[in-house]
Amino acid sequence: MMANFFRIINAIVLWAIVLLFLPKHSFKKYLPVTLFCSCILLIQSLLNSNFKWWVVKGGKGYRIFDDLAFIFGPFFTINLWVFHFTYGKFSLYAICNLIIDLVYAYPLNALFQKMGHYKLIKFNSTVLFLKTVLLSLLNYGFQKFIKKTNS
């Protein structure tokens, strides 16, 4: 129950910050890359049904809620902010993502598992970190592609 409360509050607060403070041009500019990466995470979540990379207490409904709350809550909103502040400066983007990915993969991952958000089965913190770093690099490349095709 505590995990569900945290998920809902987290999503509301993060979206409120985006809607109140992120410039509309940045939202429009970085929405495609954020949706692209969100789709990759959705596919990963669907594949989890077969590969059992993680479990969520309460069954399939709770897992779907947990996955969607993460993807369209903190992941989506933080991705928008990171691109807003760092795009065009790859080294800053890379450093920012490395820090965020380290914090997520180690202390936050442990906290989220302790709170009951999920339990990693076939992943560990290092795999989670490497996956998020690779995803951030793919994101940056996709945004460069989008910018190039729009020019």
C-alpha atoms as a PDB file:
ATOM      1  CA  MET A   1       0.000   0.000   0.000  1.00  0.00           C
ATOM      2  CA  MET A   2       2.868   2.386   0.833  1.00  0.00           C
ATOM      3  CA  ALA A   3       4.466   1.676  -2.557  1.00  0.00           C
ATOM      4  CA  ASN A   4       1.241   2.580  -4.399  1.00  0.00           C
ATOM      5  CA  PHE A   5       0.919   5.832  -2.459  1.00  0.00           C
ATOM      6  CA  PHE A   6       4.537   6.698  -3.272  1.00  0.00           C
ATOM      7  CA  ARG A   7       4.008   5.931  -6.985  1.00  0.00           C
ATOM      8  CA  ILE A   8       0.968   8.176  -7.251  1.00  0.00           C
ATOM      9  CA  ILE A   9       2.450  11.101  -5.295  1.00  0.00           C
ATOM     10  CA  ASN A  10       5.724  10.784  -7.200  1.00  0.00           C
ATOM     11  CA  ALA A  11       3.988  10.976 -10.588  1.00  0.00           C
ATOM     12  CA  ILE A  12       1.757  13.899  -9.568  1.00  0.00           C
ATOM     13  CA  VAL A  13       4.624  15.957  -8.149  1.00  0.00           C
ATOM     14  CA  LEU A  14       6.968  15.300 -11.070  1.00  0.00           C
ATOM     15  CA  TRP A  15       4.326  16.097 -13.704  1.00  0.00           C
ATOM     16  CA  ALA A  16       3.286  19.246 -11.838  1.00  0.00           C
ATOM     17  CA  ILE A  17       6.906  20.444 -11.911  1.00  0.00           C
ATOM     18  CA  VAL A  18       7.146  19.726 -15.648  1.00  0.00           C
ATOM     19  CA  LEU A  19       3.874  21.464 -16.442  1.00  0.00           C
ATOM     20  CA  LEU A  20       4.655  24.489 -14.295  1.00  0.00           C
ATOM     21  CA  PHE A  21       8.333  25.054 -15.085  1.00  0.00           C
ATOM     22  CA  LEU A  22       9.523  23.280 -18.246  1.00  0.00           C
ATOM     23  CA  PRO A  23       9.292  25.655 -21.232  1.00  0.00           C
ATOM     24  CA  LYS A  24       6.720  24.494 -23.776  1.00  0.00           C
ATOM     25  CA  HIS A  25       9.260  24.583 -26.608  1.00  0.00           C
ATOM     26  CA  SER A  26      11.482  22.147 -24.661  1.00  0.00           C
ATOM     27  CA  PHE A  27       8.528  19.857 -24.009  1.00  0.00           C
ATOM     28  CA  LYS A  28       7.689  19.781 -27.723  1.00  0.00           C
ATOM     29  CA  LYS A  29      11.323  19.467 -28.779  1.00  0.00           C
ATOM     30  CA  TYR A  30      12.159  16.537 -26.490  1.00  0.00           C
ATOM     31  CA  LEU A  31       8.797  14.768 -26.459  1.00  0.00           C
ATOM     32  CA  PRO A  32       9.684  12.480 -29.412  1.00  0.00           C
ATOM     33  CA  VAL A  33      12.891  11.161 -27.814  1.00  0.00           C
ATOM     34  CA  THR A  34      11.157  10.721 -24.470  1.00  0.00           C
ATOM     35  CA  LEU A  35       8.304   8.791 -26.116  1.00  0.00           C
ATOM     36  CA  PHE A  36      10.827   6.720 -28.100  1.00  0.00           C
ATOM     37  CA  CYS A  37      12.662   5.664 -24.967  1.00  0.00           C
ATOM     38  CA  SER A  38       9.421   5.138 -23.055  1.00  0.00           C
ATOM     39  CA  CYS A  39       8.346   2.737 -25.813  1.00  0.00           C
ATOM     40  CA  ILE A  40      11.599   0.818 -25.407  1.00  0.00           C
ATOM     41  CA  LEU A  41      10.891   0.492 -21.686  1.00  0.00           C
ATOM     42  CA  LEU A  42       7.312  -0.592 -22.424  1.00  0.00           C
ATOM     43  CA  ILE A  43       8.644  -3.324 -24.721  1.00  0.00           C
ATOM     44  CA  GLN A  44      11.067  -4.380 -21.990  1.00  0.00           C
ATOM     45  CA  SER A  45       8.153  -4.532 -19.553  1.00  0.00           C
ATOM     46  CA  LEU A  46       6.186  -6.726 -21.957  1.00  0.00           C
ATOM     47  CA  LEU A  47       9.187  -9.013 -22.434  1.00  0.00           C
ATOM     48  CA  ASN A  48       9.492  -9.293 -18.655  1.00  0.00           C
ATOM     49  CA  SER A  49       6.378 -11.489 -18.714  1.00  0.00           C
ATOM     50  CA  ASN A  50       8.419 -14.137 -20.548  1.00  0.00           C
ATOM     51  CA  PHE A  51      11.896 -13.590 -19.126  1.00  0.00           C
ATOM     52  CA  LYS A  52      11.052 -12.803 -15.460  1.00  0.00           C
ATOM     53  CA  TRP A  53      13.699 -10.103 -15.029  1.00  0.00           C
ATOM     54  CA  TRP A  54      11.816  -8.693 -12.028  1.00  0.00           C
ATOM     55  CA  VAL A  55       8.641  -9.348 -10.069  1.00  0.00           C
ATOM     56  CA  VAL A  56       6.117  -7.075  -8.421  1.00  0.00           C
ATOM     57  CA  LYS A  57       4.046  -8.245  -5.458  1.00  0.00           C
ATOM     58  CA  GLY A  58       0.363  -8.558  -6.199  1.00  0.00           C
ATOM     59  CA  GLY A  59       0.507 -10.102  -9.644  1.00  0.00           C
ATOM     60  CA  LYS A  60       0.177  -8.870 -13.190  1.00  0.00           C
ATOM     61  CA  GLY A  61      -2.090  -5.879 -12.462  1.00  0.00           C
ATOM     62  CA  TYR A  62       0.314  -4.471  -9.904  1.00  0.00           C
ATOM     63  CA  ARG A  63       3.274  -5.075 -12.235  1.00  0.00           C
ATOM     64  CA  ILE A  64       1.559  -3.201 -15.062  1.00  0.00           C
ATOM     65  CA  PHE A  65       0.703  -0.322 -12.709  1.00  0.00           C
ATOM     66  CA  ASP A  66       4.247  -0.255 -11.348  1.00  0.00           C
ATOM     67  CA  ASP A  67       5.834  -0.289 -14.811  1.00  0.00           C
ATOM     68  CA  LEU A  68       3.555   2.444 -16.171  1.00  0.00           C
ATOM     69  CA  ALA A  69       3.987   4.584 -13.046  1.00  0.00           C
ATOM     70  CA  PHE A  70       7.781   4.416 -13.400  1.00  0.00           C
ATOM     71  CA  ILE A  71       7.914   4.896 -17.172  1.00  0.00           C
ATOM     72  CA  PHE A  72       5.454   7.780 -17.373  1.00  0.00           C
ATOM     73  CA  GLY A  73       6.338   9.247 -13.978  1.00  0.00           C
ATOM     74  CA  PRO A  74       9.978   9.722 -12.994  1.00  0.00           C
ATOM     75  CA  PHE A  75      11.566   8.280 -16.130  1.00  0.00           C
ATOM     76  CA  PHE A  76       9.527  10.415 -18.535  1.00  0.00           C
ATOM     77  CA  THR A  77       9.772  13.655 -16.598  1.00  0.00           C
ATOM     78  CA  ILE A  78      13.456  13.355 -15.674  1.00  0.00           C
ATOM     79  CA  ASN A  79      14.286  12.534 -19.291  1.00  0.00           C
ATOM     80  CA  LEU A  80      12.622  15.774 -20.412  1.00  0.00           C
ATOM     81  CA  TRP A  81      14.575  17.819 -17.857  1.00  0.00           C
ATOM     82  CA  VAL A  82      17.925  16.198 -18.661  1.00  0.00           C
ATOM     83  CA  PHE A  83      17.513  16.957 -22.354  1.00  0.00           C
ATOM     84  CA  HIS A  84      16.324  20.483 -21.603  1.00  0.00           C
ATOM     85  CA  PHE A  85      19.442  21.296 -19.566  1.00  0.00           C
ATOM     86  CA  THR A  86      22.108  19.267 -21.386  1.00  0.00           C
ATOM     87  CA  TYR A  87      21.261  18.638 -25.040  1.00  0.00           C
ATOM     88  CA  GLY A  88      23.952  19.904 -27.381  1.00  0.00           C
ATOM     89  CA  LYS A  89      26.613  19.415 -24.699  1.00  0.00           C
ATOM     90  CA  PHE A  90      27.312  15.686 -24.909  1.00  0.00           C
ATOM     91  CA  SER A  91      29.859  15.542 -22.086  1.00  0.00           C
ATOM     92  CA  LEU A  92      27.441  17.277 -19.717  1.00  0.00           C
ATOM     93  CA  TYR A  93      24.629  14.962 -20.884  1.00  0.00           C
ATOM     94  CA  ALA A  94      26.831  11.899 -20.333  1.00  0.00           C
ATOM     95  CA  ILE A  95      28.006  12.995 -16.868  1.00  0.00           C
ATOM     96  CA  CYS A  96      24.483  13.917 -15.802  1.00  0.00           C
ATOM     97  CA  ASN A  97      23.160  10.548 -16.971  1.00  0.00           C
ATOM     98  CA  LEU A  98      26.005   8.647 -15.325  1.00  0.00           C
ATOM     99  CA  ILE A  99      25.204  10.285 -11.995  1.00  0.00           C
ATOM    100  CA  ILE A 100      21.447   9.712 -12.333  1.00  0.00           C
ATOM    101  CA  ASP A 101      21.989   6.114 -13.470  1.00  0.00           C
ATOM    102  CA  LEU A 102      24.391   5.398 -10.586  1.00  0.00           C
ATOM    103  CA  VAL A 103      21.973   6.818  -8.037  1.00  0.00           C
ATOM    104  CA  TYR A 104      19.075   4.878  -9.573  1.00  0.00           C
ATOM    105  CA  ALA A 105      20.917   1.559  -9.958  1.00  0.00           C
ATOM    106  CA  TYR A 106      22.392   1.423  -6.486  1.00  0.00           C
ATOM    107  CA  PRO A 107      20.818   3.369  -3.595  1.00  0.00           C
ATOM    108  CA  LEU A 108      17.383   4.008  -5.172  1.00  0.00           C
ATOM    109  CA  ASN A 109      17.109   0.475  -6.538  1.00  0.00           C
ATOM    110  CA  ALA A 110      17.781  -0.917  -3.063  1.00  0.00           C
ATOM    111  CA  LEU A 111      15.248   1.501  -1.547  1.00  0.00           C
ATOM    112  CA  PHE A 112      12.569   0.707  -4.137  1.00  0.00           C
ATOM    113  CA  GLN A 113      13.030  -3.017  -3.589  1.00  0.00           C
ATOM    114  CA  LYS A 114      12.818  -2.539   0.170  1.00  0.00           C
ATOM    115  CA  MET A 115       9.630  -0.458  -0.254  1.00  0.00           C
ATOM    116  CA  GLY A 116       8.110  -3.252  -2.313  1.00  0.00           C
ATOM    117  CA  HIS A 117       8.024  -1.582  -5.719  1.00  0.00           C
ATOM    118  CA  TYR A 118       9.681  -4.610  -7.309  1.00  0.00           C
ATOM    119  CA  LYS A 119      12.254  -7.333  -6.758  1.00  0.00           C
ATOM    120  CA  LEU A 120      15.006  -7.883  -9.322  1.00  0.00           C
ATOM    121  CA  ILE A 121      15.347 -11.536 -10.298  1.00  0.00           C
ATOM    122  CA  LYS A 122      17.655 -11.825 -13.326  1.00  0.00           C
ATOM    123  CA  PHE A 123      19.106  -8.331 -13.098  1.00  0.00           C
ATOM    124  CA  ASN A 124      21.412  -6.949 -10.470  1.00  0.00           C
ATOM    125  CA  SER A 125      22.336  -3.331  -9.817  1.00  0.00           C
ATOM    126  CA  THR A 126      25.293  -3.445 -12.211  1.00  0.00           C
ATOM    127  CA  VAL A 127      23.168  -4.779 -15.083  1.00  0.00           C
ATOM    128  CA  LEU A 128      20.543  -2.152 -14.295  1.00  0.00           C
ATOM    129  CA  PHE A 129      23.206   0.572 -14.374  1.00  0.00           C
ATOM    130  CA  LEU A 130      24.675  -0.626 -17.690  1.00  0.00           C
ATOM    131  CA  LYS A 131      21.214  -0.909 -19.227  1.00  0.00           C
ATOM    132  CA  THR A 132      20.297   2.641 -18.253  1.00  0.00           C
ATOM    133  CA  VAL A 133      23.622   4.030 -19.506  1.00  0.00           C
ATOM    134  CA  LEU A 134      23.165   2.303 -22.876  1.00  0.00           C
ATOM    135  CA  LEU A 135      19.605   3.577 -23.037  1.00  0.00           C
ATOM    136  CA  SER A 136      20.788   7.144 -22.406  1.00  0.00           C
ATOM    137  CA  LEU A 137      23.309   6.852 -25.254  1.00  0.00           C
ATOM    138  CA  LEU A 138      20.615   5.477 -27.559  1.00  0.00           C
ATOM    139  CA  ASN A 139      18.394   8.392 -26.514  1.00  0.00           C
ATOM    140  CA  TYR A 140      21.026  10.951 -27.385  1.00  0.00           C
ATOM    141  CA  GLY A 141      21.619   9.357 -30.766  1.00  0.00           C
ATOM    142  CA  PHE A 142      17.886   9.311 -31.465  1.00  0.00           C
ATOM    143  CA  GLN A 143      17.576  13.000 -30.576  1.00  0.00           C
ATOM    144  CA  LYS A 144      20.485  13.834 -32.900  1.00  0.00           C
ATOM    145  CA  PHE A 145      18.702  11.876 -35.656  1.00  0.00           C
ATOM    146  CA  ILE A 146      15.411  13.704 -35.011  1.00  0.00           C
ATOM    147  CA  LYS A 147      17.189  17.076 -35.085  1.00  0.00           C
ATOM    148  CA  LYS A 148      18.985  16.167 -38.310  1.00  0.00           C
ATOM    149  CA  THR A 149      15.795  15.036 -40.059  1.00  0.00           C
ATOM    150  CA  ASN A 150      13.927  18.160 -38.935  1.00  0.00           C
ATOM    151  CA  SER A 151      16.687  20.476 -40.236  1.00  0.00           C
END
